Amino acid sequence: MSIPLQKHVKNTSRIAFGCMGLGGSWDKNTLTKSQLREAHDAVNTALESGIRFFDHADIYCHGKSESVFGEILMSMPNVREQIVIQSKCGIRLEEGSLVGQYDASADWIQTSVEASLKRLKTDYLDILLIHRPDPLMQVEEVADVFNRLHNEGKVKHFGVSNMHVHQIKYLQYYCDVPLIVNQLEMSLFKYGWVEETLHAGNAPLNTTHWSGGQLEHCAMNDIQIQAWGSLAQGLFSGRDISSESLAVQNTAALVAELAAEYQTTKEAIVLGWLMRHPANVQPVIGTIQPERIKACTEANSVLLSRNHWYKLLVTARGQALP
């Protein structure tokens, strides 16, 4: 099944590889040989498994995630043109007298992109996302820097992350370039995006904080919805859940049951649940373990039945549909 992103970007893949785990740890220590080797193994496995989309952010491991990926690119001639590199900016970590904050100013976006390109050892980003909504964002200023980066050939496409539909519409109103991605937390555990649909017309029941109309707006405007946290941190695919709720434990048991029935992996069932939805969600996986990466890509061959999709939803909710 195709995804909206394929209308804009060549060489993409149904599943994206999230690079936050590359680089070892969230500190400013020098990359070690073992961290480099671990990153090489993860990226090689992703490529061998058919993943061509790599998701970064300037802050991941204080820039080390992009740096180690840049080293890998240098060791793989001709790979750059065969993959999609997406990065994000707009979160500034606490440092010295600087309080942790969001920053979507033109100066910071430009500075961040220049630094990411240097670390990634590439001339351009395929996609740049604003990482979090900045309450002080000047939309005209963002539009101007997007146009400048695009005209300079440093960024081909643009999008956002963690924004609701009205923020997307507002920014797009001023932007000449189309916004083609919105990355949001979505999983079998974080299912508010489905709840919003279920509770339409039932306002007293609607307790989700999901932005109403998000799925529909993105579908009508060819905006790719990407799901971060898509594996729910392994909640249903092997993590210790002895202290979790009964709903989580029952869902994990059902995932295991369906994995056996479909002759696939637990990860493939968890991701397959997301991918079965007509919104054509692109999961971003965060694991860097080679075996789990392979297990995830089995989701490309899984098509859950309607009954099994709903059974997973009802079990995860811990109660029948409204």
Protein backbone atom coordinates (compact mmCIF):
# COMPACT_ATOMS: atom_id res chain seq x y z
CA MET A 1 0.00 0.00 0.00
CA SER A 2 1.38 3.38 -0.99
CA ILE A 3 1.75 6.25 1.45
CA PRO A 4 1.21 9.99 0.80
CA LEU A 5 4.92 10.68 1.15
CA GLN A 6 5.63 8.78 -2.07
CA LYS A 7 3.94 11.58 -4.01
CA HIS A 8 6.67 13.95 -2.86
CA VAL A 9 9.79 11.91 -2.13
CA LYS A 10 11.48 9.13 -4.10
CA ASN A 11 13.25 6.17 -2.50
CA THR A 12 11.15 6.26 0.65
CA SER A 13 9.95 3.19 2.56
CA ARG A 14 6.75 2.19 4.32
CA ILE A 15 8.59 2.05 7.66
CA ALA A 16 11.02 4.72 8.87
CA PHE A 17 14.09 4.15 11.01
CA GLY A 18 14.29 6.50 13.98
CA CYS A 19 17.91 7.41 14.67
CA MET A 20 17.57 8.69 18.24
CA GLY A 21 19.26 5.53 19.58
CA LEU A 22 22.39 6.00 17.47
CA GLY A 23 25.30 7.61 19.26
CA GLY A 24 25.04 5.78 22.55
CA SER A 25 24.02 8.23 25.23
CA TRP A 26 22.69 11.73 25.82
CA ASP A 27 25.96 13.36 26.75
CA LYS A 28 28.74 15.19 24.96
CA ASN A 29 31.35 12.46 25.32
CA THR A 30 33.28 11.39 22.24
CA LEU A 31 31.75 8.53 20.27
CA THR A 32 33.36 5.21 21.15
CA LYS A 33 34.32 2.43 18.75
CA SER A 34 31.58 0.21 20.15
CA GLN A 35 28.97 2.94 19.60
CA LEU A 36 30.16 3.38 16.02
CA ARG A 37 30.04 -0.37 15.45
CA GLU A 38 26.56 -0.62 17.01
CA ALA A 39 25.30 2.20 14.77
CA HIS A 40 26.84 0.61 11.66
CA ASP A 41 25.15 -2.71 12.44
CA ALA A 42 21.76 -1.05 12.98
CA VAL A 43 21.87 1.05 9.79
CA ASN A 44 23.16 -1.86 7.71
CA THR A 45 20.36 -4.07 9.00
CA ALA A 46 17.78 -1.38 8.22
CA LEU A 47 19.08 -1.02 4.66
CA GLU A 48 19.23 -4.78 4.13
CA SER A 49 15.64 -5.01 5.41
CA GLY A 50 14.38 -2.50 2.87
CA ILE A 51 14.23 0.62 5.05
CA ARG A 52 15.24 3.72 3.10
CA PHE A 53 13.87 6.46 5.37
CA PHE A 54 15.99 7.74 8.28
CA ASP A 55 14.54 10.14 10.85
CA HIS A 56 16.87 12.42 12.85
CA ALA A 57 16.72 15.48 15.07
CA ASP A 58 19.44 17.97 15.89
CA ILE A 59 19.15 17.24 19.62
CA TYR A 60 19.37 13.42 19.51
CA CYS A 61 22.23 12.41 21.78
CA HIS A 62 23.36 16.04 21.68
CA GLY A 63 24.08 15.77 17.97
CA LYS A 64 25.95 12.46 18.16
CA SER A 65 23.15 10.58 16.39
CA GLU A 66 23.61 12.72 13.30
CA SER A 67 27.41 12.61 13.61
CA VAL A 68 27.60 8.84 13.69
CA PHE A 69 25.17 8.61 10.78
CA GLY A 70 27.41 10.99 8.84
CA GLU A 71 30.38 8.70 9.48
CA ILE A 72 28.34 5.75 8.19
CA LEU A 73 27.37 7.68 5.04
CA MET A 74 31.02 8.43 4.34
CA SER A 75 31.78 4.71 4.44
CA MET A 76 28.97 3.85 2.00
CA PRO A 77 29.57 5.52 -1.37
CA ASN A 78 26.44 6.17 -3.47
CA VAL A 79 24.03 5.39 -0.61
CA ARG A 80 23.01 9.01 -0.04
CA GLU A 81 20.97 9.24 -3.25
CA GLN A 82 19.16 6.00 -2.44
CA ILE A 83 17.80 7.05 0.95
CA VAL A 84 15.67 9.77 2.54
CA ILE A 85 17.11 11.78 5.42
CA GLN A 86 14.71 13.73 7.58
CA SER A 87 15.78 15.86 10.52
CA LYS A 88 14.00 18.06 13.02
CA CYS A 89 14.83 21.31 14.77
CA GLY A 90 13.18 23.68 17.21
CA ILE A 91 14.01 22.17 20.61
CA ARG A 92 16.86 23.81 22.52
CA LEU A 93 18.17 21.87 25.49
CA GLU A 94 19.10 23.55 28.74
CA GLU A 95 22.67 24.81 28.64
CA GLY A 96 24.35 27.31 30.94
CA SER A 97 21.98 30.21 31.48
CA LEU A 98 19.75 29.03 28.60
CA VAL A 99 16.56 27.46 29.89
CA GLY A 100 15.22 24.47 27.93
CA GLN A 101 12.82 25.88 25.35
CA TYR A 102 11.27 25.62 21.91
CA ASP A 103 12.74 27.88 19.23
CA ALA A 104 11.24 28.22 15.76
CA SER A 105 12.94 31.53 15.02
CA ALA A 106 14.45 31.94 11.57
CA ASP A 107 17.96 32.33 12.99
CA TRP A 108 17.75 29.11 14.99
CA ILE A 109 16.23 27.12 12.13
CA GLN A 110 19.01 28.28 9.80
CA THR A 111 21.71 27.60 12.40
CA SER A 112 20.28 24.18 13.20
CA VAL A 113 20.09 23.10 9.56
CA GLU A 114 23.66 24.20 8.86
CA ALA A 115 24.86 22.19 11.89
CA SER A 116 22.85 19.10 10.92
CA LEU A 117 24.22 19.14 7.38
CA LYS A 118 27.76 19.35 8.73
CA ARG A 119 27.23 16.47 11.16
CA LEU A 120 25.43 14.32 8.58
CA LYS A 121 28.11 15.08 5.98
CA THR A 122 25.52 15.80 3.31
CA ASP A 123 24.67 18.82 1.19
CA TYR A 124 20.93 18.65 1.75
CA LEU A 125 18.10 17.31 3.89
CA ASP A 126 15.26 15.61 2.09
CA ILE A 127 12.82 16.80 4.77
CA LEU A 128 13.03 19.24 7.67
CA LEU A 129 10.44 19.25 10.46
CA ILE A 130 9.70 21.79 13.19
CA HIS A 131 10.06 19.50 16.21
CA ARG A 132 7.55 21.08 18.60
CA PRO A 133 5.11 24.01 18.40
CA ASP A 134 6.80 27.19 19.61
CA PRO A 135 4.34 29.60 21.29
CA LEU A 136 6.56 32.49 20.12
CA MET A 137 6.73 31.30 16.51
CA GLN A 138 6.36 34.06 13.91
CA VAL A 139 4.82 32.21 10.97
CA GLU A 140 5.95 34.73 8.35
CA GLU A 141 9.51 34.35 9.64
CA VAL A 142 9.34 30.56 9.42
CA ALA A 143 7.93 30.78 5.90
CA ASP A 144 10.80 33.05 4.85
CA VAL A 145 13.52 30.75 6.19
CA PHE A 146 11.82 27.72 4.64
CA ASN A 147 11.86 29.47 1.26
CA ARG A 148 15.49 30.47 1.70
CA LEU A 149 16.63 26.97 2.66
CA HIS A 150 14.68 25.51 -0.24
CA ASN A 151 16.09 28.00 -2.76
CA GLU A 152 19.61 27.34 -1.48
CA GLY A 153 19.11 23.62 -2.08
CA LYS A 154 19.72 22.77 1.57
CA VAL A 155 16.24 21.38 2.26
CA LYS A 156 13.97 19.80 -0.35
CA HIS A 157 10.76 19.42 1.67
CA PHE A 158 9.27 20.62 4.94
CA GLY A 159 6.87 19.46 7.62
CA VAL A 160 6.05 19.61 11.30
CA SER A 161 5.97 17.39 14.35
CA ASN A 162 3.55 17.31 17.28
CA MET A 163 1.31 20.01 15.82
CA HIS A 164 -2.47 20.03 15.76
CA VAL A 165 -4.45 20.66 12.61
CA HIS A 166 -5.05 24.36 13.23
CA GLN A 167 -1.34 25.03 13.73
CA ILE A 168 -0.60 23.25 10.45
CA LYS A 169 -3.22 25.28 8.58
CA TYR A 170 -1.92 28.51 10.09
CA LEU A 171 1.70 27.84 9.11
CA GLN A 172 0.75 26.55 5.66
CA TYR A 173 -1.23 29.74 4.98
CA TYR A 174 2.04 31.70 4.97
CA CYS A 175 4.32 29.06 3.40
CA ASP A 176 4.91 28.83 -0.33
CA VAL A 177 6.33 25.33 0.09
CA PRO A 178 3.88 22.56 1.05
CA LEU A 179 4.08 20.95 4.47
CA ILE A 180 4.23 17.23 3.70
CA VAL A 181 4.70 15.55 7.11
CA ASN A 182 3.25 15.66 10.61
CA GLN A 183 4.94 13.33 13.11
CA LEU A 184 2.88 12.41 16.17
CA GLU A 185 2.90 9.91 19.01
CA MET A 186 0.69 7.04 17.84
CA SER A 187 0.61 3.39 18.80
CA LEU A 188 -1.58 0.57 20.05
CA PHE A 189 -0.99 2.09 23.50
CA LYS A 190 -1.39 5.75 22.51
CA TYR A 191 -4.63 5.34 20.56
CA GLY A 192 -6.20 8.77 21.13
CA TRP A 193 -6.18 9.29 17.35
CA VAL A 194 -8.75 6.50 17.08
CA GLU A 195 -10.70 7.61 20.15
CA GLU A 196 -11.28 11.03 18.60
CA THR A 197 -13.02 9.29 15.70
CA LEU A 198 -15.05 6.99 17.95
CA HIS A 199 -16.36 9.84 20.07
CA ALA A 200 -17.51 12.09 17.26
CA GLY A 201 -21.00 13.21 18.19
CA ASN A 202 -20.50 11.99 21.76
CA ALA A 203 -18.87 15.04 23.32
CA PRO A 204 -19.38 13.94 26.95
CA LEU A 205 -17.36 10.79 26.20
CA ASN A 206 -14.53 12.57 24.43
CA THR A 207 -11.64 12.70 26.89
CA THR A 208 -8.86 12.41 24.33
CA HIS A 209 -6.49 15.33 23.77
CA TRP A 210 -6.09 14.40 20.11
CA SER A 211 -6.63 17.19 17.62
CA GLY A 212 -9.99 16.70 15.91
CA GLY A 213 -9.87 16.55 12.12
CA GLN A 214 -6.14 15.78 12.03
CA LEU A 215 -6.40 12.56 10.05
CA GLU A 216 -8.87 13.99 7.58
CA HIS A 217 -6.92 17.20 6.97
CA CYS A 218 -3.67 15.33 6.39
CA ALA A 219 -5.35 12.85 4.02
CA MET A 220 -6.96 15.61 1.94
CA ASN A 221 -3.70 17.57 1.70
CA ASP A 222 -1.22 14.73 1.06
CA ILE A 223 0.45 15.25 4.43
CA GLN A 224 2.19 12.11 5.63
CA ILE A 225 1.31 11.15 9.18
CA GLN A 226 4.32 9.57 10.88
CA ALA A 227 4.04 7.76 14.18
CA TRP A 228 6.77 8.17 16.77
CA GLY A 229 6.65 5.75 19.69
CA SER A 230 5.01 3.31 17.27
CA LEU A 231 6.26 0.22 19.16
CA ALA A 232 5.06 1.63 22.51
CA GLN A 233 8.58 1.07 23.87
CA GLY A 234 8.17 -2.70 23.52
CA LEU A 235 5.10 -2.80 25.77
CA PHE A 236 3.42 -5.49 23.66
CA SER A 237 6.46 -7.19 22.17
CA GLY A 238 8.59 -8.47 25.00
CA ARG A 239 9.05 -5.88 27.74
CA ASP A 240 8.36 -6.83 31.35
CA ILE A 241 4.73 -5.85 31.93
CA SER A 242 4.11 -7.61 35.24
CA SER A 243 3.30 -4.28 36.91
CA GLU A 244 1.21 -2.91 34.03
CA SER A 245 -2.59 -2.71 33.82
CA LEU A 246 -4.77 -5.69 32.96
CA ALA A 247 -5.58 -4.06 29.61
CA VAL A 248 -1.89 -3.90 28.72
CA GLN A 249 -1.30 -7.50 29.78
CA ASN A 250 -4.34 -8.72 27.83
CA THR A 251 -3.23 -6.77 24.77
CA ALA A 252 0.27 -8.24 24.94
CA ALA A 253 -1.24 -11.72 25.13
CA LEU A 254 -3.45 -11.01 22.12
CA VAL A 255 -0.50 -9.64 20.14
CA ALA A 256 1.41 -12.87 20.84
CA GLU A 257 -1.63 -14.94 19.82
CA LEU A 258 -2.02 -13.06 16.55
CA ALA A 259 1.71 -13.23 15.80
CA ALA A 260 1.41 -17.01 15.96
CA GLU A 261 -1.74 -17.01 13.81
CA TYR A 262 -0.23 -14.75 11.13
CA GLN A 263 3.14 -16.54 11.44
CA THR A 264 4.97 -13.29 12.03
CA THR A 265 6.56 -11.30 14.85
CA LYS A 266 4.95 -9.43 17.72
CA GLU A 267 6.50 -6.22 16.41
CA ALA A 268 4.85 -6.80 13.04
CA ILE A 269 1.43 -7.13 14.67
CA VAL A 270 1.89 -3.94 16.70
CA LEU A 271 3.03 -1.97 13.65
CA GLY A 272 0.55 -3.74 11.40
CA TRP A 273 -2.27 -2.40 13.56
CA LEU A 274 -1.12 1.15 12.78
CA MET A 275 -0.52 0.42 9.11
CA ARG A 276 -3.95 -1.20 8.64
CA HIS A 277 -5.66 2.18 9.14
CA PRO A 278 -6.64 4.02 5.93
CA ALA A 279 -4.69 7.09 7.09
CA ASN A 280 -1.62 5.18 5.79
CA VAL A 281 0.46 5.94 8.86
CA GLN A 282 4.24 5.62 8.47
CA PRO A 283 5.65 4.08 11.67
CA VAL A 284 8.99 5.37 12.93
CA ILE A 285 10.75 2.57 14.78
CA GLY A 286 13.23 3.44 17.52
CA THR A 287 15.01 0.16 18.13
CA ILE A 288 18.65 -0.24 17.07
CA GLN A 289 18.76 -3.98 17.79
CA PRO A 290 19.26 -5.79 14.46
CA GLU A 291 16.89 -8.64 15.26
CA ARG A 292 14.10 -6.27 16.28
CA ILE A 293 14.65 -4.15 13.16
CA LYS A 294 14.14 -7.29 11.05
CA ALA A 295 11.12 -8.22 13.15
CA CYS A 296 9.59 -4.79 12.52
CA THR A 297 9.92 -4.95 8.75
CA GLU A 298 7.79 -8.10 8.69
CA ALA A 299 4.89 -5.68 9.18
CA ASN A 300 5.16 -4.92 5.45
CA SER A 301 3.70 -8.37 4.80
CA VAL A 302 0.93 -8.26 7.42
CA LEU A 303 -2.64 -7.24 6.66
CA LEU A 304 -4.78 -7.58 9.76
CA SER A 305 -8.40 -8.56 9.29
CA ARG A 306 -11.05 -6.02 10.29
CA ASN A 307 -12.04 -8.27 13.17
CA HIS A 308 -8.50 -8.59 14.49
CA TRP A 309 -7.89 -4.83 14.17
CA TYR A 310 -10.96 -4.09 16.26
CA LYS A 311 -10.18 -6.86 18.71
CA LEU A 312 -6.78 -5.27 19.38
CA LEU A 313 -8.40 -1.85 19.83
CA VAL A 314 -11.08 -3.09 22.22
CA THR A 315 -8.54 -5.05 24.23
CA ALA A 316 -6.18 -2.08 24.45
CA ARG A 317 -9.08 0.14 25.57
CA GLY A 318 -10.03 -2.36 28.25
CA GLN A 319 -13.69 -1.84 27.46
CA ALA A 320 -16.21 -2.21 24.63
CA LEU A 321 -16.68 0.51 22.05
CA PRO A 322 -19.07 3.35 22.99
